[in-house]
C-alpha atoms as a PDB file:
ATOM      1  CA  MET A   1     -38.531 -16.976 -22.428  1.00  0.00           C
ATOM      2  CA  PRO A   2     -35.194 -14.636 -20.829  1.00  0.00           C
ATOM      3  CA  ILE A   3     -33.041 -14.568 -23.558  1.00  0.00           C
ATOM      4  CA  ILE A   4     -34.591 -11.113 -25.509  1.00  0.00           C
ATOM      5  CA  VAL A   5     -33.830 -10.895 -29.277  1.00  0.00           C
ATOM      6  CA  ASN A   6     -33.605  -7.014 -30.250  1.00  0.00           C
ATOM      7  CA  LEU A   7     -32.327  -7.952 -33.882  1.00  0.00           C
ATOM      8  CA  ASP A   8     -35.129  -5.986 -34.698  1.00  0.00           C
ATOM      9  CA  VAL A   9     -34.214  -2.602 -33.200  1.00  0.00           C
ATOM     10  CA  MET A  10     -30.715  -2.809 -34.499  1.00  0.00           C
ATOM     11  CA  MET A  11     -31.268  -3.691 -38.333  1.00  0.00           C
ATOM     12  CA  ALA A  12     -33.994  -0.575 -37.688  1.00  0.00           C
ATOM     13  CA  LYS A  13     -30.811   1.334 -36.029  1.00  0.00           C
ATOM     14  CA  ARG A  14     -28.019   0.891 -38.850  1.00  0.00           C
ATOM     15  CA  LYS A  15     -31.286   1.143 -41.652  1.00  0.00           C
ATOM     16  CA  MET A  16     -31.192  -2.817 -42.350  1.00  0.00           C
ATOM     17  CA  SER A  17     -34.078  -3.935 -43.761  1.00  0.00           C
ATOM     18  CA  LEU A  18     -34.354  -8.033 -43.346  1.00  0.00           C
ATOM     19  CA  SER A  19     -33.868  -9.409 -46.744  1.00  0.00           C
ATOM     20  CA  GLU A  20     -30.800  -6.858 -46.976  1.00  0.00           C
ATOM     21  CA  LEU A  21     -29.623  -8.965 -44.133  1.00  0.00           C
ATOM     22  CA  ALA A  22     -30.273 -12.782 -44.524  1.00  0.00           C
ATOM     23  CA  GLN A  23     -28.144 -11.788 -48.067  1.00  0.00           C
ATOM     24  CA  LYS A  24     -25.491 -10.451 -46.260  1.00  0.00           C
ATOM     25  CA  VAL A  25     -25.470 -13.422 -43.619  1.00  0.00           C
ATOM     26  CA  ASP A  26     -26.292 -15.363 -45.514  1.00  0.00           C
ATOM     27  CA  LEU A  27     -29.933 -17.099 -44.084  1.00  0.00           C
ATOM     28  CA  THR A  28     -33.374 -17.636 -45.463  1.00  0.00           C
ATOM     29  CA  LEU A  29     -35.353 -14.791 -44.940  1.00  0.00           C
ATOM     30  CA  ALA A  30     -37.653 -17.361 -42.496  1.00  0.00           C
ATOM     31  CA  ASN A  31     -34.824 -18.688 -40.557  1.00  0.00           C
ATOM     32  CA  LEU A  32     -34.278 -14.921 -40.465  1.00  0.00           C
ATOM     33  CA  SER A  33     -37.341 -13.632 -39.123  1.00  0.00           C
ATOM     34  CA  ILE A  34     -37.945 -16.978 -37.073  1.00  0.00           C
ATOM     35  CA  LEU A  35     -34.224 -15.044 -35.085  1.00  0.00           C
ATOM     36  CA  LYS A  36     -36.215 -11.620 -35.035  1.00  0.00           C
ATOM     37  CA  THR A  37     -39.431 -12.392 -33.606  1.00  0.00           C
ATOM     38  CA  GLY A  38     -37.835 -14.323 -30.582  1.00  0.00           C
ATOM     39  CA  LYS A  39     -39.128 -17.582 -31.642  1.00  0.00           C
ATOM     40  CA  ALA A  40     -35.670 -19.879 -32.261  1.00  0.00           C
ATOM     41  CA  LYS A  41     -34.891 -22.086 -30.123  1.00  0.00           C
ATOM     42  CA  ALA A  42     -30.926 -21.665 -30.497  1.00  0.00           C
ATOM     43  CA  ILE A  43     -28.776 -19.970 -32.440  1.00  0.00           C
ATOM     44  CA  ARG A  44     -24.840 -21.044 -34.298  1.00  0.00           C
ATOM     45  CA  PHE A  45     -22.218 -19.036 -32.956  1.00  0.00           C
ATOM     46  CA  SER A  46     -20.754 -18.307 -36.730  1.00  0.00           C
ATOM     47  CA  THR A  47     -24.478 -16.713 -37.045  1.00  0.00           C
ATOM     48  CA  LEU A  48     -24.343 -14.428 -34.275  1.00  0.00           C
ATOM     49  CA  GLU A  49     -21.213 -13.717 -35.804  1.00  0.00           C
ATOM     50  CA  ALA A  50     -22.219 -12.859 -39.248  1.00  0.00           C
ATOM     51  CA  ILE A  51     -25.354 -10.737 -38.097  1.00  0.00           C
ATOM     52  CA  CYS A  52     -23.093  -8.566 -35.986  1.00  0.00           C
ATOM     53  CA  GLN A  53     -20.552  -8.436 -39.188  1.00  0.00           C
ATOM     54  CA  ALA A  54     -23.097  -6.824 -40.661  1.00  0.00           C
ATOM     55  CA  LEU A  55     -24.869  -4.916 -38.269  1.00  0.00           C
ATOM     56  CA  ASP A  56     -21.303  -3.922 -36.841  1.00  0.00           C
ATOM     57  CA  CYS A  57     -22.517  -4.328 -33.537  1.00  0.00           C
ATOM     58  CA  LYS A  58     -21.566  -6.935 -30.520  1.00  0.00           C
ATOM     59  CA  PRO A  59     -23.452 -10.280 -29.371  1.00  0.00           C
ATOM     60  CA  GLY A  60     -24.797  -7.761 -26.792  1.00  0.00           C
ATOM     61  CA  ASP A  61     -26.814  -5.136 -28.917  1.00  0.00           C
ATOM     62  CA  ILE A  62     -28.817  -7.798 -30.354  1.00  0.00           C
ATOM     63  CA  LEU A  63     -28.796 -10.462 -27.313  1.00  0.00           C
ATOM     64  CA  ASP A  64     -30.153  -9.452 -23.904  1.00  0.00           C
ATOM     65  CA  PHE A  65     -31.263 -11.568 -20.941  1.00  0.00           C
ATOM     66  CA  GLU A  66     -34.410 -10.917 -18.564  1.00  0.00           C
ATOM     67  CA  SER A  67     -34.767 -13.397 -15.149  1.00  0.00           C
ATOM     68  CA  ASP A  68     -38.146 -14.993 -15.268  1.00  0.00           C
ATOM     69  CA  ASN A  69     -38.458 -14.865 -11.041  1.00  0.00           C
ATOM     70  CA  PRO A  70     -36.913 -11.543 -10.736  1.00  0.00           C
ATOM     71  CA  THR A  71     -34.572 -11.221  -7.092  1.00  0.00           C
ATOM     72  CA  PRO A  72     -37.121  -9.336  -4.437  1.00  0.00           C
ATOM     73  CA  SER A  73     -35.318  -6.795  -3.102  1.00  0.00           C
ATOM     74  CA  THR A  74     -34.336  -7.732   0.378  1.00  0.00           C
ATOM     75  CA  PRO A  75     -36.148  -4.764   3.120  1.00  0.00           C
ATOM     76  CA  VAL A  76     -34.035  -2.436   5.059  1.00  0.00           C
ATOM     77  CA  GLU A  77     -34.067  -3.959   8.611  1.00  0.00           C
ATOM     78  CA  GLU A  78     -35.122  -1.372  11.086  1.00  0.00           C
ATOM     79  CA  HIS A  79     -32.525  -1.146  14.624  1.00  0.00           C
ATOM     80  CA  ALA A  80     -33.608   0.432  17.590  1.00  0.00           C
ATOM     81  CA  LEU A  81     -31.452   3.069  19.778  1.00  0.00           C
ATOM     82  CA  LEU A  82     -30.234   2.056  22.550  1.00  0.00           C
END
């Protein structure tokens, strides 16, 4: 999946446990764990907003994008001098 969830990294930076974050954002441990492990298929903006408020961060601190098909680098063309 090209969307990478870095919730565990942000939680470690803020020294916050999963249960503490679950209480702050009013989510079950199971649902938060699914998100943390990257198994979630979707996230509501209201949930993302609550997580960002609790962790004092931005969505980009939690979510990242990694392309499945990286664009190959274009080789530099060699030009002959005339």
